[in-house]
Amino acid sequence: MRPATLSFRRIRRPGVLLGALVIFLGACGDLSGPNRRTVTMDIASQRVPCTGLAPQECFRVREHPDTTWTLFYDAIEGFSFEPGFEYTIRVRVTRITNPPQDGSSAAYRLIAILRKVSA
């Protein structure tokens, strides 16, 4: 018995193959890779005391206006926070595959400040 092999010469309709490829890639979502995504978040006007590995000040953030604020312990590369202003920002979140034991599993980088208003 002969093992089954795929031969592209047997494909009579290359458009079908191309269509399947487009559907597959579209289902993958973000084409920048599974380790990256883009998030829009609101940041409250004041940092608040919190405790991660040690006492620190955290941002209060939310991804949707109708949700509650949550504490954000990480830094956002490229973002300069000014107390007294509320922000809506877009950030790129990159998953860190082998983070240090005491470190974050994600890195955040500012893409754009969408809104900055005095609180």
PDB file of N, CA and C in Angstrom:
ATOM      1  N   MET A   1       0.828  -1.175   0.000  1.00  0.00           N
ATOM      2  CA  MET A   1       0.000   0.000   0.000  1.00  0.00           C
ATOM      3  C   MET A   1       0.879   1.248   0.000  1.00  0.00           C
ATOM      4  N   ARG A   2       0.535   2.222  -0.817  1.00  0.00           N
ATOM      5  CA  ARG A   2       1.291   3.466  -0.922  1.00  0.00           C
ATOM      6  C   ARG A   2       0.854   4.476   0.130  1.00  0.00           C
ATOM      7  N   PRO A   3       1.787   5.156   0.800  1.00  0.00           N
ATOM      8  CA  PRO A   3       1.379   6.178   1.773  1.00  0.00           C
ATOM      9  C   PRO A   3       0.726   7.351   1.051  1.00  0.00           C
ATOM     10  N   ALA A   4      -0.219   7.976   1.732  1.00  0.00           N
ATOM     11  CA  ALA A   4      -0.912   9.126   1.150  1.00  0.00           C
ATOM     12  C   ALA A   4       0.022  10.325   1.153  1.00  0.00           C
ATOM     13  N   THR A   5       0.120  10.981   0.025  1.00  0.00           N
ATOM     14  CA  THR A   5       0.919  12.198  -0.067  1.00  0.00           C
ATOM     15  C   THR A   5       0.092  13.267  -0.742  1.00  0.00           C
ATOM     16  N   LEU A   6       0.398  14.505  -0.432  1.00  0.00           N
ATOM     17  CA  LEU A   6      -0.293  15.625  -1.043  1.00  0.00           C
ATOM     18  C   LEU A   6       0.523  16.112  -2.225  1.00  0.00           C
ATOM     19  N   SER A   7      -0.102  16.166  -3.344  1.00  0.00           N
ATOM     20  CA  SER A   7       0.572  16.654  -4.535  1.00  0.00           C
ATOM     21  C   SER A   7      -0.179  17.876  -5.036  1.00  0.00           C
ATOM     22  N   PHE A   8       0.523  18.992  -5.164  1.00  0.00           N
ATOM     23  CA  PHE A   8      -0.128  20.208  -5.631  1.00  0.00           C
ATOM     24  C   PHE A   8      -0.511  20.112  -7.107  1.00  0.00           C
ATOM     25  N   ARG A   9       0.070  19.172  -7.814  1.00  0.00           N
ATOM     26  CA  ARG A   9      -0.320  18.993  -9.218  1.00  0.00           C
ATOM     27  C   ARG A   9      -1.734  18.459  -9.328  1.00  0.00           C
ATOM     28  N   ARG A  10      -2.221  17.810  -8.282  1.00  0.00           N
ATOM     29  CA  ARG A  10      -3.565  17.236  -8.315  1.00  0.00           C
ATOM     30  C   ARG A  10      -4.639  18.263  -8.010  1.00  0.00           C
ATOM     31  N   ILE A  11      -4.267  19.408  -7.479  1.00  0.00           N
ATOM     32  CA  ILE A  11      -5.260  20.433  -7.150  1.00  0.00           C
ATOM     33  C   ILE A  11      -5.728  21.081  -8.437  1.00  0.00           C
ATOM     34  N   ARG A  12      -6.985  20.871  -8.750  1.00  0.00           N
ATOM     35  CA  ARG A  12      -7.540  21.355 -10.004  1.00  0.00           C
ATOM     36  C   ARG A  12      -8.042  22.794  -9.893  1.00  0.00           C
ATOM     37  N   ARG A  13      -8.319  23.236  -8.682  1.00  0.00           N
ATOM     38  CA  ARG A  13      -8.839  24.591  -8.485  1.00  0.00           C
ATOM     39  C   ARG A  13      -7.966  25.326  -7.470  1.00  0.00           C
ATOM     40  N   PRO A  14      -6.925  26.007  -7.929  1.00  0.00           N
ATOM     41  CA  PRO A  14      -6.048  26.700  -6.973  1.00  0.00           C
ATOM     42  C   PRO A  14      -6.777  27.794  -6.199  1.00  0.00           C
ATOM     43  N   GLY A  15      -7.866  28.311  -6.748  1.00  0.00           N
ATOM     44  CA  GLY A  15      -8.647  29.333  -6.040  1.00  0.00           C
ATOM     45  C   GLY A  15      -9.237  28.800  -4.752  1.00  0.00           C
ATOM     46  N   VAL A  16      -9.576  27.507  -4.740  1.00  0.00           N
ATOM     47  CA  VAL A  16     -10.125  26.894  -3.531  1.00  0.00           C
ATOM     48  C   VAL A  16      -9.062  26.877  -2.436  1.00  0.00           C
ATOM     49  N   LEU A  17      -7.843  26.523  -2.811  1.00  0.00           N
ATOM     50  CA  LEU A  17      -6.740  26.519  -1.849  1.00  0.00           C
ATOM     51  C   LEU A  17      -6.475  27.925  -1.317  1.00  0.00           C
ATOM     52  N   LEU A  18      -6.463  28.902  -2.202  1.00  0.00           N
ATOM     53  CA  LEU A  18      -6.244  30.286  -1.791  1.00  0.00           C
ATOM     54  C   LEU A  18      -7.372  30.764  -0.882  1.00  0.00           C
ATOM     55  N   GLY A  19      -8.589  30.429  -1.207  1.00  0.00           N
ATOM     56  CA  GLY A  19      -9.729  30.813  -0.373  1.00  0.00           C
ATOM     57  C   GLY A  19      -9.637  30.207   1.015  1.00  0.00           C
ATOM     58  N   ALA A  20      -9.255  28.931   1.085  1.00  0.00           N
ATOM     59  CA  ALA A  20      -9.106  28.274   2.384  1.00  0.00           C
ATOM     60  C   ALA A  20      -8.013  28.943   3.200  1.00  0.00           C
ATOM     61  N   LEU A  21      -6.934  29.339   2.552  1.00  0.00           N
ATOM     62  CA  LEU A  21      -5.841  30.018   3.237  1.00  0.00           C
ATOM     63  C   LEU A  21      -6.293  31.366   3.796  1.00  0.00           C
ATOM     64  N   VAL A  22      -7.064  32.117   3.018  1.00  0.00           N
ATOM     65  CA  VAL A  22      -7.567  33.418   3.473  1.00  0.00           C
ATOM     66  C   VAL A  22      -8.489  33.241   4.671  1.00  0.00           C
ATOM     67  N   ILE A  23      -9.361  32.245   4.635  1.00  0.00           N
ATOM     68  CA  ILE A  23     -10.262  31.991   5.764  1.00  0.00           C
ATOM     69  C   ILE A  23      -9.464  31.600   7.001  1.00  0.00           C
ATOM     70  N   PHE A  24      -8.468  30.744   6.823  1.00  0.00           N
ATOM     71  CA  PHE A  24      -7.633  30.325   7.946  1.00  0.00           C
ATOM     72  C   PHE A  24      -6.919  31.510   8.578  1.00  0.00           C
ATOM     73  N   LEU A  25      -6.311  32.359   7.760  1.00  0.00           N
ATOM     74  CA  LEU A  25      -5.592  33.515   8.296  1.00  0.00           C
ATOM     75  C   LEU A  25      -6.540  34.510   8.941  1.00  0.00           C
ATOM     76  N   GLY A  26      -7.722  34.668   8.376  1.00  0.00           N
ATOM     77  CA  GLY A  26      -8.706  35.564   8.974  1.00  0.00           C
ATOM     78  C   GLY A  26      -9.161  35.080  10.332  1.00  0.00           C
ATOM     79  N   ALA A  27      -9.247  33.773  10.501  1.00  0.00           N
ATOM     80  CA  ALA A  27      -9.646  33.209  11.786  1.00  0.00           C
ATOM     81  C   ALA A  27      -8.571  33.397  12.842  1.00  0.00           C
ATOM     82  N   CYS A  28      -7.355  33.629  12.426  1.00  0.00           N
ATOM     83  CA  CYS A  28      -6.263  33.805  13.381  1.00  0.00           C
ATOM     84  C   CYS A  28      -6.340  35.134  14.103  1.00  0.00           C
ATOM     85  N   GLY A  29      -7.135  36.077  13.619  1.00  0.00           N
ATOM     86  CA  GLY A  29      -7.271  37.356  14.300  1.00  0.00           C
ATOM     87  C   GLY A  29      -6.112  38.272  13.985  1.00  0.00           C
ATOM     88  N   ASP A  30      -5.368  38.637  15.020  1.00  0.00           N
ATOM     89  CA  ASP A  30      -4.266  39.582  14.901  1.00  0.00           C
ATOM     90  C   ASP A  30      -3.114  38.936  14.141  1.00  0.00           C
ATOM     91  N   LEU A  31      -2.787  39.482  12.972  1.00  0.00           N
ATOM     92  CA  LEU A  31      -1.733  38.902  12.160  1.00  0.00           C
ATOM     93  C   LEU A  31      -0.341  39.252  12.665  1.00  0.00           C
ATOM     94  N   SER A  32      -0.261  40.061  13.725  1.00  0.00           N
ATOM     95  CA  SER A  32       1.051  40.377  14.283  1.00  0.00           C
ATOM     96  C   SER A  32       1.571  39.238  15.147  1.00  0.00           C
ATOM     97  N   GLY A  33       0.776  38.237  15.340  1.00  0.00           N
ATOM     98  CA  GLY A  33       1.233  37.062  16.071  1.00  0.00           C
ATOM     99  C   GLY A  33       0.440  36.842  17.339  1.00  0.00           C
ATOM    100  N   PRO A  34       0.509  35.623  17.856  1.00  0.00           N
ATOM    101  CA  PRO A  34      -0.258  35.292  19.050  1.00  0.00           C
ATOM    102  C   PRO A  34       0.292  35.939  20.317  1.00  0.00           C
ATOM    103  N   ASN A  35       1.490  36.480  20.257  1.00  0.00           N
ATOM    104  CA  ASN A  35       2.100  37.085  21.438  1.00  0.00           C
ATOM    105  C   ASN A  35       1.826  38.580  21.546  1.00  0.00           C
ATOM    106  N   ARG A  36       1.077  39.137  20.589  1.00  0.00           N
ATOM    107  CA  ARG A  36       0.792  40.580  20.604  1.00  0.00           C
ATOM    108  C   ARG A  36      -0.685  40.833  20.408  1.00  0.00           C
ATOM    109  N   ARG A  37      -1.142  41.892  21.073  1.00  0.00           N
ATOM    110  CA  ARG A  37      -2.505  42.370  20.837  1.00  0.00           C
ATOM    111  C   ARG A  37      -2.544  43.858  21.138  1.00  0.00           C
ATOM    112  N   THR A  38      -3.551  44.519  20.649  1.00  0.00           N
ATOM    113  CA  THR A  38      -3.714  45.946  20.879  1.00  0.00           C
ATOM    114  C   THR A  38      -4.929  46.147  21.776  1.00  0.00           C
ATOM    115  N   VAL A  39      -4.767  47.007  22.785  1.00  0.00           N
ATOM    116  CA  VAL A  39      -5.820  47.251  23.758  1.00  0.00           C
ATOM    117  C   VAL A  39      -6.024  48.752  23.903  1.00  0.00           C
ATOM    118  N   THR A  40      -7.284  49.162  24.029  1.00  0.00           N
ATOM    119  CA  THR A  40      -7.611  50.546  24.359  1.00  0.00           C
ATOM    120  C   THR A  40      -8.066  50.548  25.811  1.00  0.00           C
ATOM    121  N   MET A  41      -7.491  51.449  26.604  1.00  0.00           N
ATOM    122  CA  MET A  41      -7.849  51.497  28.022  1.00  0.00           C
ATOM    123  C   MET A  41      -7.975  52.934  28.513  1.00  0.00           C
ATOM    124  N   ASP A  42      -8.860  53.094  29.506  1.00  0.00           N
ATOM    125  CA  ASP A  42      -8.992  54.362  30.219  1.00  0.00           C
ATOM    126  C   ASP A  42      -8.092  54.303  31.439  1.00  0.00           C
ATOM    127  N   ILE A  43      -7.486  55.435  31.778  1.00  0.00           N
ATOM    128  CA  ILE A  43      -6.650  55.541  32.975  1.00  0.00           C
ATOM    129  C   ILE A  43      -7.208  56.667  33.836  1.00  0.00           C
ATOM    130  N   ALA A  44      -7.449  56.365  35.110  1.00  0.00           N
ATOM    131  CA  ALA A  44      -8.006  57.346  36.049  1.00  0.00           C
ATOM    132  C   ALA A  44      -6.997  58.455  36.320  1.00  0.00           C
ATOM    133  N   SER A  45      -7.488  59.547  36.913  1.00  0.00           N
ATOM    134  CA  SER A  45      -6.685  60.762  37.073  1.00  0.00           C
ATOM    135  C   SER A  45      -5.620  60.692  38.168  1.00  0.00           C
ATOM    136  N   GLN A  46      -5.711  59.743  39.067  1.00  0.00           N
ATOM    137  CA  GLN A  46      -4.741  59.629  40.155  1.00  0.00           C
ATOM    138  C   GLN A  46      -4.273  58.181  40.287  1.00  0.00           C
ATOM    139  N   ARG A  47      -2.998  58.002  40.626  1.00  0.00           N
ATOM    140  CA  ARG A  47      -2.512  56.674  40.997  1.00  0.00           C
ATOM    141  C   ARG A  47      -2.954  56.400  42.428  1.00  0.00           C
ATOM    142  N   VAL A  48      -3.027  55.118  42.769  1.00  0.00           N
ATOM    143  CA  VAL A  48      -3.452  54.747  44.116  1.00  0.00           C
ATOM    144  C   VAL A  48      -2.418  53.799  44.725  1.00  0.00           C
ATOM    145  N   PRO A  49      -2.285  53.814  46.066  1.00  0.00           N
ATOM    146  CA  PRO A  49      -1.357  52.884  46.710  1.00  0.00           C
ATOM    147  C   PRO A  49      -1.805  51.436  46.474  1.00  0.00           C
ATOM    148  N   CYS A  50      -0.850  50.572  46.218  1.00  0.00           N
ATOM    149  CA  CYS A  50      -1.127  49.148  46.024  1.00  0.00           C
ATOM    150  C   CYS A  50       0.122  48.373  46.420  1.00  0.00           C
ATOM    151  N   THR A  51      -0.017  47.066  46.517  1.00  0.00           N
ATOM    152  CA  THR A  51       1.122  46.236  46.883  1.00  0.00           C
ATOM    153  C   THR A  51       1.258  45.114  45.878  1.00  0.00           C
ATOM    154  N   GLY A  52       2.394  45.113  45.173  1.00  0.00           N
ATOM    155  CA  GLY A  52       2.747  44.010  44.284  1.00  0.00           C
ATOM    156  C   GLY A  52       3.795  43.198  45.025  1.00  0.00           C
ATOM    157  N   LEU A  53       5.015  43.257  44.540  1.00  0.00           N
ATOM    158  CA  LEU A  53       6.120  42.656  45.291  1.00  0.00           C
ATOM    159  C   LEU A  53       6.481  43.518  46.489  1.00  0.00           C
ATOM    160  N   ALA A  54       6.208  44.803  46.344  1.00  0.00           N
ATOM    161  CA  ALA A  54       6.465  45.770  47.406  1.00  0.00           C
ATOM    162  C   ALA A  54       5.404  46.863  47.274  1.00  0.00           C
ATOM    163  N   PRO A  55       5.253  47.696  48.295  1.00  0.00           N
ATOM    164  CA  PRO A  55       4.305  48.800  48.164  1.00  0.00           C
ATOM    165  C   PRO A  55       4.691  49.708  46.984  1.00  0.00           C
ATOM    166  N   GLN A  56       3.711  50.139  46.235  1.00  0.00           N
ATOM    167  CA  GLN A  56       3.935  50.995  45.071  1.00  0.00           C
ATOM    168  C   GLN A  56       2.662  51.767  44.787  1.00  0.00           C
ATOM    169  N   GLU A  57       2.673  52.563  43.727  1.00  0.00           N
ATOM    170  CA  GLU A  57       1.471  53.245  43.259  1.00  0.00           C
ATOM    171  C   GLU A  57       1.067  52.648  41.931  1.00  0.00           C
ATOM    172  N   CYS A  58      -0.223  52.345  41.794  1.00  0.00           N
ATOM    173  CA  CYS A  58      -0.745  51.717  40.583  1.00  0.00           C
ATOM    174  C   CYS A  58      -1.703  52.645  39.852  1.00  0.00           C
ATOM    175  N   PHE A  59      -1.795  52.445  38.555  1.00  0.00           N
ATOM    176  CA  PHE A  59      -2.852  53.084  37.770  1.00  0.00           C
ATOM    177  C   PHE A  59      -4.156  52.359  38.076  1.00  0.00           C
ATOM    178  N   ARG A  60      -5.251  53.090  37.949  1.00  0.00           N
ATOM    179  CA  ARG A  60      -6.570  52.449  37.897  1.00  0.00           C
ATOM    180  C   ARG A  60      -6.978  52.481  36.438  1.00  0.00           C
ATOM    181  N   VAL A  61      -7.286  51.321  35.865  1.00  0.00           N
ATOM    182  CA  VAL A  61      -7.600  51.232  34.444  1.00  0.00           C
ATOM    183  C   VAL A  61      -8.891  50.452  34.223  1.00  0.00           C
ATOM    184  N   ARG A  62      -9.456  50.641  33.040  1.00  0.00           N
ATOM    185  CA  ARG A  62     -10.593  49.848  32.578  1.00  0.00           C
ATOM    186  C   ARG A  62     -10.570  49.837  31.061  1.00  0.00           C
ATOM    187  N   GLU A  63     -11.068  48.757  30.477  1.00  0.00           N
ATOM    188  CA  GLU A  63     -11.080  48.641  29.031  1.00  0.00           C
ATOM    189  C   GLU A  63     -12.397  49.096  28.422  1.00  0.00           C
ATOM    190  N   HIS A  64     -13.445  49.198  29.245  1.00  0.00           N
ATOM    191  CA  HIS A  64     -14.753  49.657  28.760  1.00  0.00           C
ATOM    192  C   HIS A  64     -15.324  50.650  29.773  1.00  0.00           C
ATOM    193  N   PRO A  65     -15.942  51.732  29.300  1.00  0.00           N
ATOM    194  CA  PRO A  65     -16.444  52.762  30.223  1.00  0.00           C
ATOM    195  C   PRO A  65     -17.463  52.260  31.245  1.00  0.00           C
ATOM    196  N   ASP A  66     -18.192  51.204  30.942  1.00  0.00           N
ATOM    197  CA  ASP A  66     -19.223  50.730  31.861  1.00  0.00           C
ATOM    198  C   ASP A  66     -18.722  49.651  32.822  1.00  0.00           C
ATOM    199  N   THR A  67     -17.407  49.438  32.882  1.00  0.00           N
ATOM    200  CA  THR A  67     -16.855  48.441  33.802  1.00  0.00           C
ATOM    201  C   THR A  67     -16.173  49.133  34.976  1.00  0.00           C
ATOM    202  N   THR A  68     -15.871  48.358  36.011  1.00  0.00           N
ATOM    203  CA  THR A  68     -15.227  48.929  37.195  1.00  0.00           C
ATOM    204  C   THR A  68     -13.723  49.089  36.957  1.00  0.00           C
ATOM    205  N   TRP A  69     -13.139  49.987  37.706  1.00  0.00           N
ATOM    206  CA  TRP A  69     -11.696  50.211  37.628  1.00  0.00           C
ATOM    207  C   TRP A  69     -10.965  49.030  38.245  1.00  0.00           C
ATOM    208  N   THR A  70      -9.828  48.666  37.649  1.00  0.00           N
ATOM    209  CA  THR A  70      -8.968  47.626  38.212  1.00  0.00           C
ATOM    210  C   THR A  70      -7.570  48.210  38.381  1.00  0.00           C
ATOM    211  N   LEU A  71      -6.804  47.609  39.267  1.00  0.00           N
ATOM    212  CA  LEU A  71      -5.435  48.078  39.497  1.00  0.00           C
ATOM    213  C   LEU A  71      -4.517  47.560  38.401  1.00  0.00           C
ATOM    214  N   PHE A  72      -3.622  48.422  37.949  1.00  0.00           N
ATOM    215  CA  PHE A  72      -2.659  48.084  36.906  1.00  0.00           C
ATOM    216  C   PHE A  72      -1.272  48.284  37.507  1.00  0.00           C
ATOM    217  N   TYR A  73      -0.536  47.205  37.673  1.00  0.00           N
ATOM    218  CA  TYR A  73       0.741  47.216  38.393  1.00  0.00           C
ATOM    219  C   TYR A  73       1.947  47.503  37.501  1.00  0.00           C
ATOM    220  N   ASP A  74       1.794  47.350  36.188  1.00  0.00           N
ATOM    221  CA  ASP A  74       2.932  47.433  35.272  1.00  0.00           C
ATOM    222  C   ASP A  74       3.203  48.860  34.796  1.00  0.00           C
ATOM    223  N   ALA A  75       4.332  49.033  34.138  1.00  0.00           N
ATOM    224  CA  ALA A  75       4.673  50.294  33.479  1.00  0.00           C
ATOM    225  C   ALA A  75       4.194  50.226  32.030  1.00  0.00           C
ATOM    226  N   ILE A  76       3.987  51.386  31.428  1.00  0.00           N
ATOM    227  CA  ILE A  76       3.628  51.471  30.022  1.00  0.00           C
ATOM    228  C   ILE A  76       4.733  52.267  29.335  1.00  0.00           C
ATOM    229  N   GLU A  77       5.518  51.574  28.534  1.00  0.00           N
ATOM    230  CA  GLU A  77       6.649  52.207  27.858  1.00  0.00           C
ATOM    231  C   GLU A  77       6.156  53.339  26.953  1.00  0.00           C
ATOM    232  N   GLY A  78       6.773  54.506  27.087  1.00  0.00           N
ATOM    233  CA  GLY A  78       6.430  55.653  26.253  1.00  0.00           C
ATOM    234  C   GLY A  78       5.299  56.510  26.785  1.00  0.00           C
ATOM    235  N   PHE A  79       4.706  56.139  27.925  1.00  0.00           N
ATOM    236  CA  PHE A  79       3.581  56.883  28.490  1.00  0.00           C
ATOM    237  C   PHE A  79       4.051  57.698  29.681  1.00  0.00           C
ATOM    238  N   SER A  80       3.829  59.025  29.633  1.00  0.00           N
ATOM    239  CA  SER A  80       4.166  59.920  30.742  1.00  0.00           C
ATOM    240  C   SER A  80       2.866  60.375  31.394  1.00  0.00           C
ATOM    241  N   PHE A  81       2.583  59.859  32.553  1.00  0.00           N
ATOM    242  CA  PHE A  81       1.355  60.151  33.281  1.00  0.00           C
ATOM    243  C   PHE A  81       1.457  61.486  33.992  1.00  0.00           C
ATOM    244  N   GLU A  82       0.412  62.315  33.861  1.00  0.00           N
ATOM    245  CA  GLU A  82       0.306  63.568  34.608  1.00  0.00           C
ATOM    246  C   GLU A  82      -0.893  63.462  35.533  1.00  0.00           C
ATOM    247  N   PRO A  83      -0.688  63.502  36.862  1.00  0.00           N
ATOM    248  CA  PRO A  83      -1.818  63.450  37.791  1.00  0.00           C
ATOM    249  C   PRO A  83      -2.811  64.569  37.489  1.00  0.00           C
ATOM    250  N   GLY A  84      -4.092  64.272  37.666  1.00  0.00           N
ATOM    251  CA  GLY A  84      -5.143  65.263  37.419  1.00  0.00           C
ATOM    252  C   GLY A  84      -5.765  65.162  36.032  1.00  0.00           C
ATOM    253  N   PHE A  85      -5.259  64.283  35.199  1.00  0.00           N
ATOM    254  CA  PHE A  85      -5.807  64.078  33.856  1.00  0.00           C
ATOM    255  C   PHE A  85      -6.275  62.639  33.704  1.00  0.00           C
ATOM    256  N   GLU A  86      -7.430  62.471  33.066  1.00  0.00           N
ATOM    257  CA  GLU A  86      -7.890  61.139  32.689  1.00  0.00           C
ATOM    258  C   GLU A  86      -7.477  60.901  31.245  1.00  0.00           C
ATOM    259  N   TYR A  87      -7.071  59.692  30.966  1.00  0.00           N
ATOM    260  CA  TYR A  87      -6.572  59.337  29.637  1.00  0.00           C
ATOM    261  C   TYR A  87      -7.376  58.185  29.044  1.00  0.00           C
ATOM    262  N   THR A  88      -7.453  58.171  27.744  1.00  0.00           N
ATOM    263  CA  THR A  88      -7.810  56.982  26.983  1.00  0.00           C
ATOM    264  C   THR A  88      -6.631  56.758  26.058  1.00  0.00           C
ATOM    265  N   ILE A  89      -6.025  55.569  26.165  1.00  0.00           N
ATOM    266  CA  ILE A  89      -4.820  55.290  25.386  1.00  0.00           C
ATOM    267  C   ILE A  89      -4.960  53.961  24.653  1.00  0.00           C
ATOM    268  N   ARG A  90      -4.183  53.822  23.620  1.00  0.00           N
ATOM    269  CA  ARG A  90      -4.076  52.545  22.906  1.00  0.00           C
ATOM    270  C   ARG A  90      -2.672  52.023  23.151  1.00  0.00           C
ATOM    271  N   VAL A  91      -2.574  50.775  23.585  1.00  0.00           N
ATOM    272  CA  VAL A  91      -1.289  50.164  23.885  1.00  0.00           C
ATOM    273  C   VAL A  91      -1.143  48.835  23.162  1.00  0.00           C
ATOM    274  N   ARG A  92       0.101  48.494  22.903  1.00  0.00           N
ATOM    275  CA  ARG A  92       0.423  47.172  22.368  1.00  0.00           C
ATOM    276  C   ARG A  92       0.861  46.312  23.541  1.00  0.00           C
ATOM    277  N   VAL A  93       0.200  45.192  23.710  1.00  0.00           N
ATOM    278  CA  VAL A  93       0.514  44.263  24.781  1.00  0.00           C
ATOM    279  C   VAL A  93       1.254  43.082  24.163  1.00  0.00           C
ATOM    280  N   THR A  94       2.458  42.849  24.625  1.00  0.00           N
ATOM    281  CA  THR A  94       3.265  41.742  24.129  1.00  0.00           C
ATOM    282  C   THR A  94       3.453  40.741  25.259  1.00  0.00           C
ATOM    283  N   ARG A  95       3.062  39.505  25.006  1.00  0.00           N
ATOM    284  CA  ARG A  95       3.224  38.463  26.015  1.00  0.00           C
ATOM    285  C   ARG A  95       4.695  38.074  26.109  1.00  0.00           C
ATOM    286  N   ILE A  96       5.193  37.987  27.313  1.00  0.00           N
ATOM    287  CA  ILE A  96       6.574  37.565  27.562  1.00  0.00           C
ATOM    288  C   ILE A  96       6.532  36.060  27.804  1.00  0.00           C
ATOM    289  N   THR A  97       7.205  35.310  26.948  1.00  0.00           N
ATOM    290  CA  THR A  97       7.084  33.852  27.013  1.00  0.00           C
ATOM    291  C   THR A  97       7.726  33.231  28.249  1.00  0.00           C
ATOM    292  N   ASN A  98       8.860  33.718  28.679  1.00  0.00           N
ATOM    293  CA  ASN A  98       9.510  33.190  29.876  1.00  0.00           C
ATOM    294  C   ASN A  98       9.831  34.335  30.829  1.00  0.00           C
ATOM    295  N   PRO A  99       8.794  34.875  31.504  1.00  0.00           N
ATOM    296  CA  PRO A  99       9.063  36.020  32.379  1.00  0.00           C
ATOM    297  C   PRO A  99       9.824  35.586  33.622  1.00  0.00           C
ATOM    298  N   PRO A 100      10.559  36.519  34.226  1.00  0.00           N
ATOM    299  CA  PRO A 100      11.205  36.203  35.500  1.00  0.00           C
ATOM    300  C   PRO A 100      10.132  35.882  36.543  1.00  0.00           C
ATOM    301  N   GLN A 101      10.491  35.129  37.552  1.00  0.00           N
ATOM    302  CA  GLN A 101       9.520  34.725  38.568  1.00  0.00           C
ATOM    303  C   GLN A 101       8.826  35.912  39.215  1.00  0.00           C
ATOM    304  N   ASP A 102       9.548  36.984  39.413  1.00  0.00           N
ATOM    305  CA  ASP A 102       8.964  38.147  40.065  1.00  0.00           C
ATOM    306  C   ASP A 102       8.543  39.228  39.079  1.00  0.00           C
ATOM    307  N   GLY A 103       8.479  38.892  37.783  1.00  0.00           N
ATOM    308  CA  GLY A 103       8.149  39.889  36.771  1.00  0.00           C
ATOM    309  C   GLY A 103       6.805  39.646  36.117  1.00  0.00           C
ATOM    310  N   SER A 104       6.399  40.600  35.336  1.00  0.00           N
ATOM    311  CA  SER A 104       5.134  40.531  34.622  1.00  0.00           C
ATOM    312  C   SER A 104       5.238  39.580  33.433  1.00  0.00           C
ATOM    313  N   SER A 105       4.116  39.022  33.039  1.00  0.00           N
ATOM    314  CA  SER A 105       4.083  38.151  31.867  1.00  0.00           C
ATOM    315  C   SER A 105       3.714  38.930  30.606  1.00  0.00           C
ATOM    316  N   ALA A 106       3.599  40.265  30.725  1.00  0.00           N
ATOM    317  CA  ALA A 106       3.264  41.109  29.575  1.00  0.00           C
ATOM    318  C   ALA A 106       4.063  42.400  29.631  1.00  0.00           C
ATOM    319  N   ALA A 107       4.369  42.931  28.444  1.00  0.00           N
ATOM    320  CA  ALA A 107       5.012  44.236  28.325  1.00  0.00           C
ATOM    321  C   ALA A 107       4.035  45.159  27.600  1.00  0.00           C
ATOM    322  N   TYR A 108       3.938  46.394  28.055  1.00  0.00           N
ATOM    323  CA  TYR A 108       2.984  47.357  27.511  1.00  0.00           C
ATOM    324  C   TYR A 108       3.742  48.507  26.881  1.00  0.00           C
ATOM    325  N   ARG A 109       3.319  48.894  25.662  1.00  0.00           N
ATOM    326  CA  ARG A 109       3.956  49.998  24.961  1.00  0.00           C
ATOM    327  C   ARG A 109       2.884  50.913  24.384  1.00  0.00           C
ATOM    328  N   LEU A 110       3.023  52.211  24.637  1.00  0.00           N
ATOM    329  CA  LEU A 110       2.056  53.191  24.152  1.00  0.00           C
ATOM    330  C   LEU A 110       2.085  53.264  22.632  1.00  0.00           C
ATOM    331  N   ILE A 111       0.911  53.200  22.025  1.00  0.00           N
ATOM    332  CA  ILE A 111       0.765  53.428  20.587  1.00  0.00           C
ATOM    333  C   ILE A 111       0.279  54.850  20.354  1.00  0.00           C
ATOM    334  N   ALA A 112      -0.782  55.247  21.123  1.00  0.00           N
ATOM    335  CA  ALA A 112      -1.340  56.592  20.947  1.00  0.00           C
ATOM    336  C   ALA A 112      -2.131  57.007  22.170  1.00  0.00           C
ATOM    337  N   ILE A 113      -2.131  58.313  22.442  1.00  0.00           N
ATOM    338  CA  ILE A 113      -3.037  58.894  23.430  1.00  0.00           C
ATOM    339  C   ILE A 113      -4.249  59.350  22.632  1.00  0.00           C
ATOM    340  N   LEU A 114      -5.394  58.741  22.897  1.00  0.00           N
ATOM    341  CA  LEU A 114      -6.619  59.052  22.166  1.00  0.00           C
ATOM    342  C   LEU A 114      -7.385  60.209  22.787  1.00  0.00           C
ATOM    343  N   ARG A 115      -7.236  60.355  24.131  1.00  0.00           N
ATOM    344  CA  ARG A 115      -7.964  61.401  24.839  1.00  0.00           C
ATOM    345  C   ARG A 115      -7.206  61.735  26.116  1.00  0.00           C
ATOM    346  N   LYS A 116      -7.132  63.033  26.423  1.00  0.00           N
ATOM    347  CA  LYS A 116      -6.528  63.492  27.668  1.00  0.00           C
ATOM    348  C   LYS A 116      -7.362  64.671  28.134  1.00  0.00           C
ATOM    349  N   VAL A 117      -8.073  64.496  29.276  1.00  0.00           N
ATOM    350  CA  VAL A 117      -8.933  65.559  29.779  1.00  0.00           C
ATOM    351  C   VAL A 117      -8.660  65.794  31.251  1.00  0.00           C
ATOM    352  N   SER A 118      -8.811  67.036  31.680  1.00  0.00           N
ATOM    353  CA  SER A 118      -8.636  67.400  33.073  1.00  0.00           C
ATOM    354  C   SER A 118      -9.777  66.791  33.885  1.00  0.00           C
ATOM    355  N   ALA A 119      -9.427  66.205  35.017  1.00  0.00           N
ATOM    356  CA  ALA A 119     -10.448  65.555  35.870  1.00  0.00           C
ATOM    357  C   ALA A 119     -11.145  66.547  36.760  1.00  0.00           C
TER     358      ALA A 119
END
